[in-house]
N, C-alpha and C. Protein backbone atom coordinates (compact mmCIF):
# COMPACT_ATOMS: atom_id res chain seq x y z
N UNK A 1 -59.62 -34.67 13.01
CA UNK A 1 -59.26 -35.79 13.84
C UNK A 1 -60.49 -36.63 14.19
N UNK A 2 -61.65 -36.03 14.16
CA UNK A 2 -62.86 -36.75 14.56
C UNK A 2 -63.14 -37.96 13.67
N UNK A 3 -63.04 -37.78 12.35
CA UNK A 3 -63.36 -38.89 11.44
C UNK A 3 -62.43 -40.09 11.62
N UNK A 4 -61.10 -39.90 11.60
CA UNK A 4 -60.23 -41.07 11.82
C UNK A 4 -60.48 -41.73 13.19
N UNK A 5 -60.81 -40.93 14.17
CA UNK A 5 -61.09 -41.50 15.49
C UNK A 5 -62.38 -42.32 15.45
N UNK A 6 -63.41 -41.77 14.79
CA UNK A 6 -64.69 -42.49 14.67
C UNK A 6 -64.52 -43.80 13.90
N UNK A 7 -63.61 -43.78 12.90
CA UNK A 7 -63.38 -44.97 12.09
C UNK A 7 -62.45 -45.97 12.78
N UNK A 8 -61.95 -45.63 13.95
CA UNK A 8 -61.07 -46.53 14.67
C UNK A 8 -59.66 -46.57 14.13
N UNK A 9 -59.25 -45.52 13.41
CA UNK A 9 -57.92 -45.48 12.81
C UNK A 9 -56.90 -44.76 13.68
N UNK A 10 -57.39 -43.90 14.57
CA UNK A 10 -56.49 -43.14 15.44
C UNK A 10 -57.21 -42.87 16.75
N UNK A 11 -56.41 -42.50 17.73
CA UNK A 11 -56.99 -42.15 19.04
C UNK A 11 -56.20 -41.02 19.67
N UNK A 12 -56.89 -40.24 20.47
CA UNK A 12 -56.23 -39.16 21.21
C UNK A 12 -55.90 -39.68 22.60
N UNK A 13 -54.71 -39.36 23.04
CA UNK A 13 -54.29 -39.70 24.40
C UNK A 13 -53.71 -38.45 25.04
N UNK A 14 -53.85 -38.38 26.35
CA UNK A 14 -53.24 -37.26 27.06
C UNK A 14 -51.75 -37.25 26.79
N UNK A 15 -51.22 -36.07 26.53
CA UNK A 15 -49.78 -35.91 26.33
C UNK A 15 -49.11 -35.98 27.69
N UNK A 16 -48.18 -36.89 27.83
CA UNK A 16 -47.51 -37.08 29.12
C UNK A 16 -46.66 -35.88 29.51
N UNK A 17 -46.20 -35.09 28.53
CA UNK A 17 -45.35 -33.94 28.81
C UNK A 17 -46.14 -32.65 28.99
N UNK A 18 -47.38 -32.64 28.55
CA UNK A 18 -48.20 -31.43 28.61
C UNK A 18 -49.59 -31.84 29.05
N UNK A 19 -49.92 -31.58 30.29
CA UNK A 19 -51.20 -32.07 30.83
C UNK A 19 -52.41 -31.44 30.15
N UNK A 20 -52.21 -30.36 29.39
CA UNK A 20 -53.32 -29.72 28.67
C UNK A 20 -53.46 -30.24 27.25
N UNK A 21 -52.45 -30.95 26.77
CA UNK A 21 -52.45 -31.37 25.38
C UNK A 21 -52.80 -32.84 25.20
N UNK A 22 -53.00 -33.19 23.97
CA UNK A 22 -53.26 -34.57 23.59
C UNK A 22 -52.27 -34.96 22.49
N UNK A 23 -51.97 -36.22 22.43
CA UNK A 23 -51.15 -36.78 21.36
C UNK A 23 -52.04 -37.70 20.53
N UNK A 24 -51.79 -37.75 19.24
CA UNK A 24 -52.56 -38.60 18.35
C UNK A 24 -51.75 -39.86 18.07
N UNK A 25 -52.38 -41.01 18.22
CA UNK A 25 -51.73 -42.30 17.99
C UNK A 25 -52.55 -43.11 17.00
N UNK A 26 -51.85 -43.75 16.07
CA UNK A 26 -52.53 -44.66 15.15
C UNK A 26 -52.89 -45.94 15.88
N UNK A 27 -54.05 -46.47 15.57
CA UNK A 27 -54.45 -47.77 16.09
C UNK A 27 -53.88 -48.83 15.16
N UNK A 28 -53.96 -50.10 15.53
CA UNK A 28 -53.53 -51.15 14.60
C UNK A 28 -54.25 -51.04 13.24
N UNK A 29 -55.53 -50.74 13.26
CA UNK A 29 -56.27 -50.55 12.00
C UNK A 29 -55.73 -49.37 11.22
N UNK A 30 -55.37 -48.31 11.92
CA UNK A 30 -54.80 -47.14 11.27
C UNK A 30 -53.46 -47.45 10.62
N UNK A 31 -52.64 -48.24 11.31
CA UNK A 31 -51.35 -48.64 10.74
C UNK A 31 -51.54 -49.52 9.51
N UNK A 32 -52.52 -50.41 9.56
CA UNK A 32 -52.81 -51.26 8.39
C UNK A 32 -53.28 -50.41 7.21
N UNK A 33 -54.16 -49.45 7.46
CA UNK A 33 -54.66 -48.58 6.40
C UNK A 33 -53.53 -47.75 5.80
N UNK A 34 -52.63 -47.25 6.65
CA UNK A 34 -51.50 -46.47 6.17
C UNK A 34 -50.57 -47.32 5.31
N UNK A 35 -50.31 -48.56 5.73
CA UNK A 35 -49.45 -49.45 4.94
C UNK A 35 -50.09 -49.77 3.59
N UNK A 36 -51.39 -49.99 3.58
CA UNK A 36 -52.09 -50.27 2.31
C UNK A 36 -52.02 -49.06 1.39
N UNK A 37 -52.18 -47.87 1.94
CA UNK A 37 -52.10 -46.65 1.13
C UNK A 37 -50.70 -46.47 0.58
N UNK A 38 -49.69 -46.77 1.36
CA UNK A 38 -48.31 -46.64 0.89
C UNK A 38 -48.04 -47.63 -0.24
N UNK A 39 -48.55 -48.84 -0.13
CA UNK A 39 -48.36 -49.85 -1.18
C UNK A 39 -49.03 -49.38 -2.47
N UNK A 40 -50.23 -48.87 -2.37
CA UNK A 40 -50.95 -48.37 -3.55
C UNK A 40 -50.20 -47.19 -4.16
N UNK A 41 -49.76 -46.28 -3.33
CA UNK A 41 -49.02 -45.12 -3.82
C UNK A 41 -47.75 -45.54 -4.55
N UNK A 42 -47.01 -46.47 -3.97
CA UNK A 42 -45.78 -46.96 -4.61
C UNK A 42 -46.08 -47.56 -5.99
N UNK A 43 -47.15 -48.34 -6.09
CA UNK A 43 -47.52 -48.96 -7.36
C UNK A 43 -47.89 -47.91 -8.40
N UNK A 44 -48.68 -46.95 -8.00
CA UNK A 44 -49.11 -45.90 -8.93
C UNK A 44 -47.90 -45.06 -9.37
N UNK A 45 -47.06 -44.68 -8.42
CA UNK A 45 -45.90 -43.86 -8.75
C UNK A 45 -44.93 -44.60 -9.68
N UNK A 46 -44.80 -45.89 -9.49
CA UNK A 46 -43.91 -46.68 -10.35
C UNK A 46 -44.43 -46.73 -11.79
N UNK A 47 -45.74 -46.67 -11.96
CA UNK A 47 -46.33 -46.75 -13.29
C UNK A 47 -46.41 -45.42 -14.03
N UNK A 48 -46.25 -44.31 -13.33
CA UNK A 48 -46.40 -43.00 -13.97
C UNK A 48 -45.43 -42.79 -15.14
N UNK A 49 -44.16 -43.14 -15.02
CA UNK A 49 -43.26 -42.88 -16.15
C UNK A 49 -43.30 -43.96 -17.23
N UNK A 50 -44.20 -44.91 -17.13
CA UNK A 50 -44.26 -46.02 -18.09
C UNK A 50 -44.31 -45.58 -19.55
N UNK A 51 -45.04 -44.51 -19.90
CA UNK A 51 -45.10 -44.12 -21.31
C UNK A 51 -43.80 -43.50 -21.82
N UNK A 52 -42.86 -43.19 -20.93
CA UNK A 52 -41.62 -42.54 -21.35
C UNK A 52 -40.55 -43.57 -21.69
N UNK A 53 -39.73 -43.24 -22.64
CA UNK A 53 -38.59 -44.11 -22.97
C UNK A 53 -37.56 -44.00 -21.84
N UNK A 54 -36.58 -44.88 -21.85
CA UNK A 54 -35.53 -44.85 -20.83
C UNK A 54 -34.80 -43.50 -20.87
N UNK A 55 -34.53 -43.00 -22.08
CA UNK A 55 -33.86 -41.71 -22.21
C UNK A 55 -34.70 -40.56 -21.68
N UNK A 56 -35.98 -40.60 -21.98
CA UNK A 56 -36.89 -39.57 -21.46
C UNK A 56 -36.95 -39.61 -19.94
N UNK A 57 -36.96 -40.82 -19.37
CA UNK A 57 -36.98 -40.93 -17.90
C UNK A 57 -35.71 -40.34 -17.30
N UNK A 58 -34.55 -40.60 -17.93
CA UNK A 58 -33.29 -40.03 -17.44
C UNK A 58 -33.33 -38.50 -17.52
N UNK A 59 -33.84 -37.98 -18.64
CA UNK A 59 -33.95 -36.52 -18.79
C UNK A 59 -34.88 -35.94 -17.73
N UNK A 60 -36.01 -36.57 -17.53
CA UNK A 60 -36.96 -36.11 -16.52
C UNK A 60 -36.32 -36.13 -15.14
N UNK A 61 -35.62 -37.20 -14.83
CA UNK A 61 -34.96 -37.31 -13.53
C UNK A 61 -33.96 -36.16 -13.36
N UNK A 62 -33.18 -35.89 -14.40
CA UNK A 62 -32.21 -34.80 -14.33
C UNK A 62 -32.86 -33.45 -14.13
N UNK A 63 -33.93 -33.20 -14.87
CA UNK A 63 -34.65 -31.94 -14.73
C UNK A 63 -35.26 -31.78 -13.34
N UNK A 64 -35.85 -32.84 -12.84
CA UNK A 64 -36.45 -32.77 -11.51
C UNK A 64 -35.38 -32.57 -10.44
N UNK A 65 -34.24 -33.21 -10.60
CA UNK A 65 -33.15 -33.05 -9.64
C UNK A 65 -32.68 -31.59 -9.62
N UNK A 66 -32.55 -30.98 -10.81
CA UNK A 66 -32.16 -29.56 -10.88
C UNK A 66 -33.21 -28.68 -10.24
N UNK A 67 -34.47 -28.98 -10.49
CA UNK A 67 -35.56 -28.22 -9.88
C UNK A 67 -35.49 -28.30 -8.36
N UNK A 68 -35.30 -29.51 -7.82
CA UNK A 68 -35.23 -29.68 -6.38
C UNK A 68 -34.02 -28.96 -5.78
N UNK A 69 -32.89 -29.02 -6.46
CA UNK A 69 -31.70 -28.30 -5.99
C UNK A 69 -31.99 -26.80 -5.93
N UNK A 70 -32.66 -26.29 -6.94
CA UNK A 70 -32.98 -24.86 -6.97
C UNK A 70 -33.94 -24.49 -5.84
N UNK A 71 -34.99 -25.27 -5.67
CA UNK A 71 -35.98 -24.93 -4.64
C UNK A 71 -35.45 -25.14 -3.24
N UNK A 72 -34.47 -26.03 -3.06
CA UNK A 72 -33.91 -26.25 -1.72
C UNK A 72 -33.24 -24.99 -1.19
N UNK A 73 -32.72 -24.17 -2.09
CA UNK A 73 -32.06 -22.95 -1.67
C UNK A 73 -33.00 -21.78 -1.43
N UNK A 74 -34.30 -21.97 -1.66
CA UNK A 74 -35.25 -20.86 -1.54
C UNK A 74 -36.09 -20.94 -0.28
N UNK A 75 -35.82 -21.88 0.57
CA UNK A 75 -36.65 -22.03 1.78
C UNK A 75 -36.29 -21.03 2.84
């Protein structure tokens, strides 16, 4: 938590419900950085399947869906 706080991205505030605890809050700069990271992530993720044909993407989607269904039952 120290680095984001030093960079002005987050701040600790006393937790109103627990006088011994602190809550972490994003600063406006932190929210901007998070939005920029989300935009970059979305762009990169959209480009990952680019080398695959439409059929390969459908197959991959189906396989991943089956994998997720299987792992959802193991938690």
